[in-house]
Amino acid sequence: MINVFIIGIGLIGASLGLALRDSSLVSRIVGFDINNESLRKAREIGAIDYFASISEGAREADVIFLCTPLSSFPSLIEDIKPLVRPGIIITDVGSTKQDVMSLFEDLPQNVWAIGGHPMAGSETKGVNGADRYLFENAVYILTPGKNVPGEVLARLVNLLETTGARVEVMDAAVHDEIVATVSHIPHLAAVALVNLTEGRSDRLMLAAGGFRDTTRVASSNLEIWEDILFSNREILVKRLNDFIDSLDSIKQALELGDHDYIRRELSSAKNIRDSIPQMRRGLMPGLCDIVCIVPDKPGVIAKLGSILGEENINISDIEILRVREGDGGTIRLGVASPEDAKRAVSALRANAIKAWLR
């Protein structure tokens, strides 16, 4: 059985605690945070068994998760070094890995350092955003140190897989290159787009779903993202230059009236985007989406579940797309297979609910 010590009880730390709570591999989960209210809330919702000082928690732990901002890692590692015993695993949840792995090199011999990055999150920061299923089907990257034995890595992989995550192992430099393109630049693009509105009410009033979806990540935690961007700035600057070059080419084509170039860019982007596996988080296999229109009244979502439950169809994902108070709304339901989706549509229509496959 594994004793887990989580340092930093925010969104990721508390969600890890909740997700590991039901694992048969875990004996107890201990937490530490500088915010006493976060610790109290975490214990109240069952994310940790109890809280302890860093010295107490580190001495008794088999696995330590560092779930604090990257800027706190140097001092944390210095505090932990004299406390941990040989054979312990120390991992983290930071969004960049090369700097972290360099810091981990200073740990004592036979203390196993394995970088980690769960590709999951939420705009709701802190313990109040904790979600037992945050890691379900999310990609969870591990970047083991050079001397980590295979059986030690397997032990952490087995533990993390009990959260529902899909664990992938890769080199830290490769990880940082990829996330610069698929995570960090999109975040900066969202920041730039939002700031382009200058916060003017007339512009924001016209911000429809496309703008909101594109800029959603601009609402993320400021402190965390400042750490992320500067910790990966060398790679990020290179990829930003490529992004800026691409935008410059599009701008020039518009200035010159080059329809062929714009058409090629639009077509290429559509083809690449359409080739991405349909997913909710990480590499989750594609769900089949059903859209239905329902009245705005109590119990309507329960009714949808009841109708599909009678057909033995499980709702794997649900989202309220739009609602007009007192009138009705549009709901998206995700089911596992095309066959289930067709049966679901038939069952919903048989119950006088407008429904169709997306």
Protein backbone atom coordinates (compact mmCIF):
# COMPACT_ATOMS: atom_id res chain seq x y z
CA MET A 1 0.00 0.00 0.00
CA ILE A 2 1.18 3.49 -0.91
CA ASN A 3 1.26 6.53 1.35
CA VAL A 4 0.67 9.62 -0.79
CA PHE A 5 1.76 13.13 0.21
CA ILE A 6 0.32 15.99 -1.85
CA ILE A 7 2.03 19.36 -1.48
CA GLY A 8 -0.27 22.07 -2.76
CA ILE A 9 -4.01 21.50 -2.39
CA GLY A 10 -5.36 23.48 -5.32
CA LEU A 11 -7.34 22.29 -8.32
CA ILE A 12 -4.88 19.58 -9.40
CA GLY A 13 -3.74 18.53 -5.93
CA ALA A 14 -7.26 18.19 -4.55
CA SER A 15 -8.47 16.45 -7.73
CA LEU A 16 -5.60 13.97 -7.42
CA GLY A 17 -6.59 13.29 -3.84
CA LEU A 18 -10.20 12.65 -4.82
CA ALA A 19 -9.19 10.48 -7.80
CA LEU A 20 -6.77 8.39 -5.72
CA ARG A 21 -9.23 8.03 -2.86
CA ASP A 22 -10.83 4.90 -4.32
CA SER A 23 -7.56 3.29 -5.42
CA SER A 24 -6.83 -0.10 -3.89
CA LEU A 25 -3.12 0.82 -4.11
CA VAL A 26 -3.37 3.77 -1.70
CA SER A 27 -3.18 3.50 2.08
CA ARG A 28 -3.61 7.17 3.00
CA ILE A 29 -3.44 10.61 1.45
CA VAL A 30 -1.80 13.42 3.40
CA GLY A 31 -1.86 17.05 2.31
CA PHE A 32 0.10 20.26 2.88
CA ASP A 33 -0.73 23.79 1.80
CA ILE A 34 0.12 27.25 3.06
CA ASN A 35 -3.60 28.04 2.92
CA ASN A 36 -5.31 26.53 5.96
CA GLU A 37 -8.76 27.01 4.44
CA SER A 38 -7.75 24.91 1.42
CA LEU A 39 -6.62 22.15 3.76
CA ARG A 40 -9.84 22.31 5.74
CA LYS A 41 -11.93 22.17 2.57
CA ALA A 42 -9.84 19.32 1.13
CA ARG A 43 -10.39 17.22 4.24
CA GLU A 44 -14.08 18.10 4.26
CA ILE A 45 -14.61 16.85 0.67
CA GLY A 46 -12.42 13.77 1.21
CA ALA A 47 -9.46 14.79 -0.95
CA ILE A 48 -7.03 14.10 1.94
CA ASP A 49 -7.19 12.03 5.11
CA TYR A 50 -5.41 14.68 7.15
CA PHE A 51 -2.89 17.48 6.77
CA ALA A 52 0.66 17.57 8.06
CA SER A 53 3.83 19.64 7.96
CA ILE A 54 6.24 19.10 5.10
CA SER A 55 8.68 17.34 7.41
CA GLU A 56 6.07 14.93 8.76
CA GLY A 57 4.47 14.25 5.39
CA ALA A 58 7.75 13.78 3.50
CA ARG A 59 9.20 11.34 6.04
CA GLU A 60 6.23 9.01 5.87
CA ALA A 61 5.45 9.23 2.14
CA ASP A 62 6.05 6.63 -0.55
CA VAL A 63 5.05 9.05 -3.33
CA ILE A 64 5.19 12.86 -3.14
CA PHE A 65 3.25 15.01 -5.61
CA LEU A 66 4.43 18.61 -5.98
CA CYS A 67 1.29 20.52 -6.99
CA THR A 68 2.45 24.08 -6.32
CA PRO A 69 3.50 26.79 -8.81
CA LEU A 70 6.81 26.08 -10.57
CA SER A 71 8.47 29.07 -8.90
CA SER A 72 8.15 27.34 -5.51
CA PHE A 73 9.97 24.15 -6.59
CA PRO A 74 13.57 25.17 -5.72
CA SER A 75 12.75 25.91 -2.09
CA LEU A 76 10.44 22.90 -1.77
CA ILE A 77 13.08 20.52 -3.07
CA GLU A 78 15.62 21.99 -0.66
CA ASP A 79 13.18 21.39 2.21
CA ILE A 80 12.44 17.82 1.12
CA LYS A 81 16.00 16.64 0.39
CA PRO A 82 17.10 15.87 3.95
CA LEU A 83 13.76 14.25 4.85
CA VAL A 84 13.04 11.66 2.19
CA ARG A 85 14.19 8.06 2.40
CA PRO A 86 15.68 5.90 -0.40
CA GLY A 87 13.09 4.40 -2.74
CA ILE A 88 10.59 7.24 -2.54
CA ILE A 89 9.10 8.64 -5.75
CA ILE A 90 8.92 12.41 -6.16
CA THR A 91 6.83 13.71 -9.04
CA ASP A 92 5.11 16.94 -10.00
CA VAL A 93 2.23 18.25 -12.12
CA GLY A 94 3.97 21.22 -13.75
CA SER A 95 3.28 22.23 -17.35
CA THR A 96 6.93 22.30 -18.39
CA LYS A 97 9.47 19.61 -17.68
CA GLN A 98 13.09 20.49 -18.55
CA ASP A 99 13.57 23.00 -15.72
CA VAL A 100 11.86 20.65 -13.26
CA MET A 101 14.03 17.69 -14.25
CA SER A 102 17.13 19.86 -13.76
CA LEU A 103 15.98 20.70 -10.23
CA PHE A 104 15.28 17.03 -9.53
CA GLU A 105 18.92 16.16 -10.30
CA ASP A 106 19.81 17.64 -6.91
CA LEU A 107 17.82 14.98 -5.02
CA PRO A 108 19.68 12.28 -3.02
CA GLN A 109 20.72 9.00 -4.62
CA ASN A 110 17.97 6.38 -4.86
CA VAL A 111 15.26 9.00 -4.56
CA TRP A 112 13.40 8.54 -7.82
CA ALA A 113 12.41 11.71 -9.69
CA ILE A 114 9.72 11.42 -12.35
CA GLY A 115 8.34 14.58 -13.95
CA GLY A 116 4.60 14.65 -14.55
CA HIS A 117 2.07 16.73 -16.45
CA PRO A 118 -1.64 15.87 -16.45
CA MET A 119 -3.21 17.40 -19.55
CA ALA A 120 -6.33 18.42 -17.68
CA GLY A 121 -7.58 21.49 -15.91
CA SER A 122 -10.38 23.92 -15.28
CA GLU A 123 -10.97 27.67 -15.19
CA THR A 124 -12.20 27.24 -11.60
CA LYS A 125 -9.01 27.53 -9.60
CA GLY A 126 -8.25 26.18 -6.18
CA VAL A 127 -9.78 23.39 -4.15
CA ASN A 128 -13.29 24.58 -5.04
CA GLY A 129 -12.66 23.38 -8.60
CA ALA A 130 -11.63 19.87 -7.46
CA ASP A 131 -13.13 17.09 -9.57
CA ARG A 132 -12.94 13.35 -8.90
CA TYR A 133 -13.04 12.71 -12.66
CA LEU A 134 -10.69 15.49 -13.82
CA PHE A 135 -8.12 12.95 -15.06
CA GLU A 136 -10.57 10.48 -16.59
CA ASN A 137 -9.27 9.71 -20.12
CA ALA A 138 -6.87 12.66 -19.90
CA VAL A 139 -3.32 12.22 -21.16
CA TYR A 140 -0.89 12.22 -18.24
CA ILE A 141 2.73 12.73 -19.37
CA LEU A 142 5.64 11.29 -17.38
CA THR A 143 9.27 12.26 -17.94
CA PRO A 144 11.40 9.93 -15.79
CA GLY A 145 14.92 10.80 -14.73
CA LYS A 146 17.76 8.98 -16.50
CA ASN A 147 18.42 6.48 -13.72
CA VAL A 148 14.84 5.61 -12.75
CA PRO A 149 14.40 1.80 -12.83
CA GLY A 150 11.63 0.39 -14.98
CA GLU A 151 9.83 -1.15 -12.03
CA VAL A 152 9.75 2.22 -10.23
CA LEU A 153 8.27 3.94 -13.27
CA ALA A 154 5.72 1.12 -13.58
CA ARG A 155 4.72 1.67 -9.94
CA LEU A 156 3.84 5.31 -10.61
CA VAL A 157 2.14 4.46 -13.90
CA ASN A 158 -0.06 1.89 -12.14
CA LEU A 159 -0.96 4.42 -9.46
CA LEU A 160 -1.89 7.15 -11.94
CA GLU A 161 -3.90 4.80 -14.12
CA THR A 162 -6.27 4.27 -11.19
CA THR A 163 -7.33 7.91 -11.69
CA GLY A 164 -8.55 7.03 -15.19
CA ALA A 165 -5.66 8.84 -16.88
CA ARG A 166 -3.91 7.60 -20.02
CA VAL A 167 -0.22 7.68 -19.14
CA GLU A 168 2.38 8.47 -21.81
CA VAL A 169 6.15 8.49 -21.23
CA MET A 170 8.40 10.87 -23.16
CA ASP A 171 11.58 12.91 -23.00
CA ALA A 172 11.30 16.24 -21.16
CA ALA A 173 12.60 18.27 -24.13
CA VAL A 174 10.11 16.64 -26.50
CA HIS A 175 7.30 17.39 -24.05
CA ASP A 176 8.22 21.07 -23.79
CA GLU A 177 8.43 21.43 -27.57
CA ILE A 178 4.97 19.92 -28.05
CA VAL A 179 3.20 21.86 -25.30
CA ALA A 180 4.68 25.12 -26.58
CA THR A 181 2.73 24.54 -29.80
CA VAL A 182 -0.50 22.96 -28.57
CA SER A 183 -0.91 24.71 -25.20
CA HIS A 184 1.28 27.74 -24.59
CA ILE A 185 0.87 29.54 -27.91
CA PRO A 186 -2.92 28.98 -27.90
CA HIS A 187 -2.98 30.54 -24.44
CA LEU A 188 -1.05 33.60 -25.63
CA ALA A 189 -3.24 33.83 -28.73
CA ALA A 190 -6.30 33.85 -26.46
CA VAL A 191 -4.74 36.58 -24.33
CA ALA A 192 -3.99 38.71 -27.40
CA LEU A 193 -7.50 38.25 -28.82
CA VAL A 194 -9.19 39.23 -25.57
CA ASN A 195 -6.97 42.27 -25.15
CA LEU A 196 -7.77 43.25 -28.76
CA THR A 197 -11.31 44.06 -27.60
CA GLU A 198 -9.86 46.60 -25.13
CA GLY A 199 -12.63 45.47 -22.82
CA ARG A 200 -15.13 47.65 -24.67
CA SER A 201 -18.73 46.68 -23.97
CA ASP A 202 -19.85 47.17 -27.58
CA ARG A 203 -17.25 44.62 -28.77
CA LEU A 204 -17.82 42.15 -25.96
CA MET A 205 -21.57 42.32 -26.54
CA LEU A 206 -21.00 40.75 -29.98
CA ALA A 207 -18.62 38.07 -28.68
CA ALA A 208 -20.43 34.90 -29.67
CA GLY A 209 -19.62 31.23 -29.02
CA GLY A 210 -16.63 31.10 -31.36
CA PHE A 211 -14.87 33.95 -29.57
CA ARG A 212 -15.69 32.58 -26.14
CA ASP A 213 -14.49 29.07 -27.06
CA THR A 214 -11.28 30.38 -28.61
CA THR A 215 -10.46 32.61 -25.64
CA ARG A 216 -11.67 30.38 -22.78
CA VAL A 217 -8.15 29.73 -21.47
CA ALA A 218 -7.49 33.46 -21.02
CA SER A 219 -9.42 33.15 -17.73
CA SER A 220 -6.85 30.74 -16.27
CA ASN A 221 -4.74 31.34 -13.16
CA LEU A 222 -2.34 34.25 -13.72
CA GLU A 223 0.43 33.16 -11.34
CA ILE A 224 0.59 29.65 -12.75
CA TRP A 225 0.67 30.84 -16.35
CA GLU A 226 3.39 33.41 -15.74
CA ASP A 227 5.55 30.58 -14.33
CA ILE A 228 4.72 28.29 -17.26
CA LEU A 229 5.53 30.83 -19.96
CA PHE A 230 8.87 31.89 -18.52
CA SER A 231 9.94 28.34 -17.71
CA ASN A 232 9.52 27.42 -21.40
CA ARG A 233 10.42 30.75 -22.94
CA GLU A 234 13.34 29.62 -25.10
CA ILE A 235 11.26 27.08 -27.00
CA LEU A 236 8.19 29.30 -26.85
CA VAL A 237 9.92 32.25 -28.49
CA LYS A 238 10.93 30.03 -31.42
CA ARG A 239 7.40 28.72 -31.90
CA LEU A 240 5.98 32.24 -31.49
CA ASN A 241 8.22 33.40 -34.34
CA ASP A 242 6.77 30.61 -36.51
CA PHE A 243 3.26 31.64 -35.50
CA ILE A 244 3.93 35.31 -36.24
CA ASP A 245 5.42 34.37 -39.65
CA SER A 246 2.26 32.42 -40.43
CA LEU A 247 0.03 35.37 -39.49
CA ASP A 248 2.25 37.72 -41.53
CA SER A 249 1.83 35.49 -44.59
CA ILE A 250 -1.94 35.51 -44.15
CA LYS A 251 -1.89 39.29 -43.74
CA GLN A 252 0.14 39.74 -46.93
CA ALA A 253 -2.18 37.44 -48.86
CA LEU A 254 -5.16 39.53 -47.75
CA GLU A 255 -3.37 42.74 -48.74
CA LEU A 256 -2.57 41.31 -52.19
CA GLY A 257 -5.99 39.78 -52.67
CA ASP A 258 -4.43 36.30 -52.98
CA HIS A 259 -7.55 34.13 -52.73
CA ASP A 260 -5.63 30.96 -53.64
CA TYR A 261 -3.26 31.29 -50.68
CA ILE A 262 -6.07 32.01 -48.22
CA ARG A 263 -8.09 29.08 -49.59
CA ARG A 264 -5.09 26.75 -49.22
CA GLU A 265 -4.50 27.87 -45.63
CA LEU A 266 -8.15 27.47 -44.72
CA SER A 267 -8.32 24.07 -46.39
CA SER A 268 -5.10 22.83 -44.78
CA ALA A 269 -6.24 23.95 -41.33
CA LYS A 270 -9.66 22.33 -41.76
CA ASN A 271 -8.15 19.02 -42.89
CA ILE A 272 -5.68 18.91 -40.01
CA ARG A 273 -8.29 19.98 -37.44
CA ASP A 274 -10.79 17.42 -38.74
CA SER A 275 -8.17 14.67 -38.42
CA ILE A 276 -7.80 15.20 -34.66
CA PRO A 277 -9.57 12.38 -32.79
CA GLN A 278 -12.85 13.62 -31.35
CA MET A 279 -12.08 14.04 -27.68
CA ARG A 280 -13.29 15.57 -24.50
CA ARG A 281 -9.97 15.42 -22.66
CA GLY A 282 -6.57 14.24 -23.79
CA LEU A 283 -6.88 11.25 -26.10
CA MET A 284 -10.38 10.20 -25.13
CA PRO A 285 -11.91 8.07 -27.89
CA GLY A 286 -14.53 9.95 -29.89
CA LEU A 287 -18.04 10.03 -28.55
CA CYS A 288 -21.09 10.23 -30.76
CA ASP A 289 -22.93 13.47 -30.11
CA ILE A 290 -26.69 13.86 -29.96
CA VAL A 291 -28.27 17.31 -29.83
CA CYS A 292 -31.74 17.66 -28.36
CA ILE A 293 -34.12 20.51 -27.59
CA VAL A 294 -35.90 20.35 -24.24
CA PRO A 295 -38.25 22.58 -22.26
CA ASP A 296 -36.81 24.65 -19.41
CA LYS A 297 -38.42 22.94 -16.44
CA PRO A 298 -37.32 20.92 -13.41
CA GLY A 299 -36.47 17.28 -14.00
CA VAL A 300 -35.85 17.51 -17.72
CA ILE A 301 -32.27 16.23 -17.52
CA ALA A 302 -33.39 13.38 -15.29
CA LYS A 303 -36.02 12.56 -17.91
CA LEU A 304 -33.36 12.33 -20.62
CA GLY A 305 -31.35 9.95 -18.45
CA SER A 306 -34.43 7.86 -17.74
CA ILE A 307 -35.35 7.55 -21.42
CA LEU A 308 -31.86 6.43 -22.43
CA GLY A 309 -31.51 4.28 -19.32
CA GLU A 310 -34.55 2.27 -20.37
CA GLU A 311 -32.71 1.58 -23.64
CA ASN A 312 -29.57 0.57 -21.69
CA ILE A 313 -27.67 3.50 -23.23
CA ASN A 314 -25.07 5.18 -21.02
CA ILE A 315 -24.61 8.97 -21.26
CA SER A 316 -20.83 9.42 -21.29
CA ASP A 317 -20.87 13.21 -21.55
CA ILE A 318 -23.49 15.94 -21.24
CA GLU A 319 -23.38 19.67 -21.94
CA ILE A 320 -25.98 22.43 -21.82
CA LEU A 321 -25.28 24.35 -25.00
CA ARG A 322 -27.88 27.12 -24.77
CA VAL A 323 -30.89 27.95 -22.65
CA ARG A 324 -33.62 30.56 -22.66
CA GLU A 325 -35.09 30.87 -19.18
CA GLY A 326 -38.75 29.89 -19.07
CA ASP A 327 -38.68 28.58 -22.63
CA GLY A 328 -36.22 25.81 -23.44
CA GLY A 329 -32.67 24.88 -24.22
CA THR A 330 -30.31 22.81 -26.30
CA ILE A 331 -28.41 19.93 -24.72
CA ARG A 332 -25.60 17.80 -26.13
CA LEU A 333 -25.40 14.17 -25.06
CA GLY A 334 -22.33 12.02 -25.76
CA VAL A 335 -22.74 8.26 -26.13
CA ALA A 336 -20.19 5.57 -26.87
CA SER A 337 -21.12 4.26 -30.33
CA PRO A 338 -23.00 5.16 -33.53
CA GLU A 339 -25.43 2.33 -32.82
CA ASP A 340 -26.22 3.74 -29.36
CA ALA A 341 -26.58 7.21 -30.87
CA LYS A 342 -29.16 6.06 -33.43
CA ARG A 343 -31.15 4.19 -30.81
CA ALA A 344 -30.96 7.20 -28.49
CA VAL A 345 -32.34 9.56 -31.14
CA SER A 346 -35.20 7.16 -31.86
CA ALA A 347 -36.03 6.81 -28.16
CA LEU A 348 -35.95 10.57 -27.56
CA ARG A 349 -38.16 11.28 -30.58
CA ALA A 350 -40.58 8.60 -29.41
CA ASN A 351 -40.92 10.67 -26.23
CA ALA A 352 -41.67 13.87 -28.17
CA ILE A 353 -38.15 15.31 -27.74
CA LYS A 354 -36.54 16.85 -30.80
CA ALA A 355 -33.19 15.14 -31.27
CA TRP A 356 -30.65 14.56 -34.00
CA LEU A 357 -27.09 13.34 -34.53
CA ARG A 358 -24.47 16.05 -34.68
